[in-house]
Amino acid sequence: MANQTGVHGSVYRNDDYVAVNRVSWGAILAGTIVALAVQIVLTLLGFSIGLGVMSQATDTSALGGVGIGGMIWLVVSTLISLYIGGYVAARLAGVPTKPDGVLNGVVVWALATLLSLYLATSAVGTAVSGVAGIIGQGLQTATSGATTVAPEAAEALKRNPQEARETARQAVDEVQQQYRQVRRQAGQTLNEAQQEAAQTARQAAPVASGAAFGGFIALVLGAIAAALGGMAGIPKDVVASTATRR
C-alpha cells in the first residue's frame, strides 16, 4: 500500500513515497494581502484618533505627544497586521508543523516589507518626476521667449547697425559684470552651504543613527510577530502520518 498523509497541502504520490509541498505561495500571497489590508485599516484608525486629538490640542506639548503616540501606534499596528498575515498564511497552507508555519509567517513578513518599500520609493519617484516636469516646462517657456525676441533684435540691427552694435557692446559688458558678481555670490553661498551642510550632518548623525536602529528593531519585531502568527495558525486538527508498504 502506498504512503498516505493527512496533510491538506500539495501532495505528490507514487508507489514508494508521499511528498508534501511545504511552501504554499498562494497562502503566503493571501497572508501578505491580508497583512497590508489590516495595516491600512489600523493606520486609518490611528489617523482618525490622532487628528481628533490634534483638533482639541491647545499647546505644542500636546502636539508632540500626538506625534510620539502616532509612532507607537504605527509600530503596534504593524505588529498586529503581520501577526494576522502570518496566521492566515499558515492556516491556508495547511501544513501541521510549527517550523513550516513559522517559515510561512516569515516569508509573509519579508514580502510585505519589500512591497511597502517599493510603494514608498514609487511615491518618491513620482514626486521627483513631477518636479522635474515643472522645471522642464519652465525651461521650455524661457526658450520660447528667447526665440521670439531674436527676430526683433535682428530687425533693429538692420535699421541702425552702429547703434545696435553699441547697445550690444553695453549689454555684453553689463552681462559680464553681472556674471562676475553672481559668480562671487555663488562662491560665497556655496561655502556657506557647505559649512551649514557639514554642521547639519554632524547634528543629524545621532538622530539618523537612532532612527536606523529603531527601524532595525521594528523589522525584527515584525519578523517575530509574523513568525508567532504562523506558529499559531498551523491547523490543529490535521496530523501527518505515513504508512510504509509491506
Protein backbone atom coordinates (compact mmCIF):
# COMPACT_ATOMS: atom_id res chain seq x y z
CA MET A 1 0.00 0.00 0.00
CA ALA A 2 1.38 3.45 -0.89
CA ASN A 3 2.30 6.03 1.75
CA GLN A 4 -0.58 8.26 2.94
CA THR A 5 -0.72 11.60 4.68
CA GLY A 6 -3.41 13.70 6.31
CA VAL A 7 -1.82 16.98 5.27
CA HIS A 8 -4.06 19.33 3.27
CA GLY A 9 -1.19 20.92 1.30
CA SER A 10 0.09 19.97 -2.14
CA VAL A 11 0.86 16.24 -2.20
CA TYR A 12 2.91 14.28 -4.73
CA ARG A 13 2.38 10.49 -4.81
CA ASN A 14 3.81 7.39 -6.35
CA ASP A 15 4.10 3.80 -5.20
CA ASP A 16 7.03 4.48 -2.87
CA TYR A 17 6.53 7.89 -1.17
CA VAL A 18 4.24 10.78 -0.34
CA ALA A 19 5.88 14.24 -0.55
CA VAL A 20 4.17 17.32 0.89
CA ASN A 21 4.85 20.75 -0.58
CA ARG A 22 5.96 22.72 2.49
CA VAL A 23 5.64 26.14 0.80
CA SER A 24 2.26 27.38 -0.39
CA TRP A 25 2.81 30.61 -2.31
CA GLY A 26 -0.91 31.08 -2.67
CA ALA A 27 -1.29 31.06 1.11
CA ILE A 28 1.72 33.37 1.52
CA LEU A 29 0.31 35.84 -1.00
CA ALA A 30 -3.07 35.75 0.71
CA GLY A 31 -1.45 36.35 4.10
CA THR A 32 0.54 39.28 2.69
CA ILE A 33 -2.58 40.87 1.20
CA VAL A 34 -4.44 40.45 4.50
CA ALA A 35 -1.49 41.95 6.42
CA LEU A 36 -1.36 45.03 4.16
CA ALA A 37 -5.13 45.47 4.32
CA VAL A 38 -5.14 45.25 8.13
CA GLN A 39 -2.25 47.72 8.23
CA ILE A 40 -4.22 50.20 6.13
CA VAL A 41 -7.31 49.83 8.32
CA LEU A 42 -5.36 50.30 11.55
CA THR A 43 -3.41 53.26 10.10
CA LEU A 44 -6.67 54.99 9.13
CA LEU A 45 -7.99 54.36 12.64
CA GLY A 46 -4.83 55.87 14.11
CA PHE A 47 -5.10 58.91 11.83
CA SER A 48 -8.71 59.50 12.83
CA ILE A 49 -7.86 59.35 16.53
CA GLY A 50 -4.72 61.47 16.13
CA LEU A 51 -6.48 64.18 14.11
CA GLY A 52 -9.28 64.25 16.65
CA VAL A 53 -6.77 64.82 19.46
CA MET A 54 -4.89 67.45 17.44
CA SER A 55 -8.10 69.40 16.81
CA GLN A 56 -8.56 69.77 20.57
CA ALA A 57 -4.89 70.43 21.42
CA THR A 58 -4.06 73.93 22.68
CA ASP A 59 -0.28 73.82 23.18
CA THR A 60 2.79 72.45 21.43
CA SER A 61 3.50 69.85 24.13
CA ALA A 62 0.22 68.12 23.34
CA LEU A 63 1.12 68.04 19.64
CA GLY A 64 4.46 66.46 20.49
CA GLY A 65 2.66 63.80 22.48
CA VAL A 66 0.41 63.10 19.50
CA GLY A 67 3.49 62.57 17.31
CA ILE A 68 5.02 60.10 19.75
CA GLY A 69 1.70 58.32 20.11
CA GLY A 70 1.42 58.10 16.33
CA MET A 71 4.82 56.41 16.04
CA ILE A 72 3.92 53.94 18.79
CA TRP A 73 0.60 53.18 17.08
CA LEU A 74 2.38 52.65 13.76
CA VAL A 75 4.68 50.04 15.32
CA VAL A 76 1.85 48.33 17.19
CA SER A 77 -0.43 48.25 14.14
CA THR A 78 2.40 46.84 12.02
CA LEU A 79 2.99 44.04 14.52
CA ILE A 80 -0.72 43.23 14.66
CA SER A 81 -1.08 43.16 10.88
CA LEU A 82 1.99 40.94 10.42
CA TYR A 83 0.76 38.55 13.12
CA ILE A 84 -2.59 38.24 11.37
CA GLY A 85 -0.91 37.84 7.98
CA GLY A 86 1.35 35.07 9.28
CA TYR A 87 -1.62 33.36 10.89
CA VAL A 88 -3.61 33.44 7.64
CA ALA A 89 -0.67 32.14 5.59
CA ALA A 90 -0.02 29.22 7.93
CA ARG A 91 -3.69 28.37 8.22
CA LEU A 92 -4.27 28.33 4.47
CA ALA A 93 -1.06 26.40 3.81
CA GLY A 94 -2.44 23.53 5.91
CA VAL A 95 0.99 22.19 6.94
CA PRO A 96 0.68 20.88 10.53
CA THR A 97 4.28 21.51 11.67
CA LYS A 98 5.46 24.52 13.67
CA PRO A 99 8.68 25.14 11.68
CA ASP A 100 6.73 25.30 8.44
CA GLY A 101 4.18 27.66 9.97
CA VAL A 102 6.96 29.90 11.26
CA LEU A 103 8.66 29.95 7.85
CA ASN A 104 5.41 30.82 6.09
CA GLY A 105 4.93 33.71 8.52
CA VAL A 106 8.48 34.95 8.00
CA VAL A 107 8.03 34.89 4.21
CA VAL A 108 4.86 36.96 4.64
CA TRP A 109 6.87 39.48 6.67
CA ALA A 110 9.59 39.65 4.01
CA LEU A 111 7.15 40.07 1.14
CA ALA A 112 5.11 42.72 2.97
CA THR A 113 8.30 44.64 3.84
CA LEU A 114 9.52 44.61 0.23
CA LEU A 115 6.13 45.70 -1.09
CA SER A 116 5.97 48.55 1.43
CA LEU A 117 9.45 49.75 0.43
CA TYR A 118 8.53 49.52 -3.25
CA LEU A 119 5.37 51.57 -2.74
CA ALA A 120 7.27 54.17 -0.72
CA THR A 121 10.04 54.54 -3.30
CA SER A 122 7.49 54.68 -6.12
CA ALA A 123 5.72 57.57 -4.40
CA VAL A 124 9.03 59.43 -4.01
CA GLY A 125 9.91 58.76 -7.66
CA THR A 126 6.54 60.12 -8.77
CA ALA A 127 7.07 63.30 -6.76
CA VAL A 128 10.56 63.79 -8.23
CA SER A 129 9.23 63.24 -11.75
CA GLY A 130 6.56 65.86 -11.16
CA VAL A 131 9.14 68.41 -10.00
CA ALA A 132 11.36 67.62 -12.99
CA GLY A 133 8.39 68.10 -15.32
CA ILE A 134 7.67 71.53 -13.84
CA ILE A 135 11.32 72.58 -14.28
CA GLY A 136 11.35 71.30 -17.86
CA GLN A 137 8.21 73.24 -18.64
CA GLY A 138 9.78 76.40 -17.26
CA LEU A 139 12.90 75.94 -19.38
CA GLN A 140 10.77 75.37 -22.45
CA THR A 141 8.87 78.58 -21.79
CA ALA A 142 12.12 80.53 -21.39
CA THR A 143 13.48 79.10 -24.64
CA SER A 144 10.30 80.05 -26.46
CA GLY A 145 10.61 83.61 -25.19
CA ALA A 146 14.21 83.90 -26.37
CA THR A 147 13.22 82.57 -29.79
CA THR A 148 10.51 85.22 -30.04
CA VAL A 149 12.87 88.09 -29.13
CA ALA A 150 15.63 87.05 -31.57
CA PRO A 151 13.88 88.24 -34.79
CA GLU A 152 13.16 91.66 -33.23
CA ALA A 153 16.87 92.08 -32.38
CA ALA A 154 17.80 91.21 -35.97
CA GLU A 155 15.43 93.88 -37.34
CA ALA A 156 16.91 96.51 -35.01
CA LEU A 157 20.40 95.63 -36.27
CA LYS A 158 19.31 96.19 -39.88
CA ARG A 159 17.77 99.61 -39.17
CA ASN A 160 20.74 101.14 -37.31
CA PRO A 161 23.86 98.96 -37.28
CA GLN A 162 26.07 101.39 -35.31
CA GLU A 163 23.55 101.96 -32.55
CA ALA A 164 22.77 98.23 -32.43
CA ARG A 165 26.45 97.36 -32.06
CA GLU A 166 26.91 99.91 -29.29
CA THR A 167 23.84 98.65 -27.50
CA ALA A 168 25.05 95.07 -27.88
CA ARG A 169 28.50 96.01 -26.52
CA GLN A 170 26.96 97.68 -23.50
CA ALA A 171 24.71 94.68 -22.95
CA VAL A 172 27.70 92.33 -23.14
CA ASP A 173 29.64 94.42 -20.62
CA GLU A 174 26.69 94.51 -18.30
CA VAL A 175 26.19 90.77 -18.60
CA GLN A 176 29.88 90.13 -17.88
CA GLN A 177 29.74 92.37 -14.83
CA GLN A 178 26.62 90.65 -13.58
CA TYR A 179 28.21 87.28 -14.27
CA ARG A 180 31.26 88.13 -12.18
CA GLN A 181 29.05 89.41 -9.39
CA VAL A 182 26.84 86.33 -9.49
CA ARG A 183 29.92 84.12 -9.53
CA ARG A 184 31.29 85.77 -6.40
CA GLN A 185 27.94 85.49 -4.67
CA ALA A 186 27.61 81.86 -5.75
CA GLY A 187 31.05 81.06 -4.36
CA GLN A 188 30.17 82.65 -1.02
CA THR A 189 26.81 80.91 -0.96
CA LEU A 190 28.45 77.57 -1.79
CA ASN A 191 30.96 77.94 1.02
CA GLU A 192 28.23 78.86 3.48
CA ALA A 193 26.09 75.95 2.25
CA GLN A 194 28.99 73.52 2.68
CA GLN A 195 29.58 74.72 6.22
CA GLU A 196 25.88 74.52 7.06
CA ALA A 197 25.62 71.06 5.46
CA ALA A 198 28.57 69.80 7.48
CA GLN A 199 27.10 71.21 10.68
CA THR A 200 23.67 69.77 9.88
CA ALA A 201 25.21 66.37 9.13
CA ARG A 202 27.00 66.38 12.48
CA GLN A 203 23.80 67.29 14.26
CA ALA A 204 21.64 64.85 12.30
CA ALA A 205 24.02 61.88 12.58
CA PRO A 206 22.87 60.82 16.07
CA VAL A 207 19.22 61.21 15.05
CA ALA A 208 19.73 59.21 11.86
CA SER A 209 21.61 56.54 13.78
CA GLY A 210 18.81 56.27 16.31
CA ALA A 211 16.19 56.12 13.54
CA ALA A 212 18.12 53.39 11.73
CA PHE A 213 18.44 51.36 14.92
CA GLY A 214 14.74 51.91 15.64
CA GLY A 215 13.90 50.68 12.14
CA PHE A 216 16.07 47.62 12.71
CA ILE A 217 14.27 46.84 15.97
CA ALA A 218 10.87 47.37 14.30
CA LEU A 219 11.74 44.98 11.46
CA VAL A 220 12.99 42.33 13.88
CA LEU A 221 9.83 42.65 15.96
CA GLY A 222 7.75 42.42 12.78
CA ALA A 223 9.51 39.19 11.81
CA ILE A 224 8.90 37.77 15.28
CA ALA A 225 5.22 38.77 15.16
CA ALA A 226 4.74 37.14 11.75
CA ALA A 227 6.53 34.00 12.93
CA LEU A 228 4.33 33.80 16.03
CA GLY A 229 1.27 34.26 13.85
CA GLY A 230 2.46 31.47 11.58
CA MET A 231 3.01 29.21 14.57
CA ALA A 232 -0.46 29.98 15.93
CA GLY A 233 -2.07 29.45 12.53
CA ILE A 234 -0.99 25.86 11.92
CA PRO A 235 -4.05 23.60 11.71
CA LYS A 236 -4.52 21.71 14.98
CA ASP A 237 -6.92 19.17 13.53
CA VAL A 238 -4.51 17.84 10.87
CA VAL A 239 -1.95 15.19 11.72
CA ALA A 240 0.62 13.93 9.24
CA SER A 241 1.11 10.21 9.23
CA THR A 242 2.75 7.71 6.88
CA ALA A 243 2.22 4.02 6.31
CA THR A 244 5.02 2.03 4.73
CA ARG A 245 4.08 -0.58 2.14
CA ARG A 246 4.96 -4.08 3.19
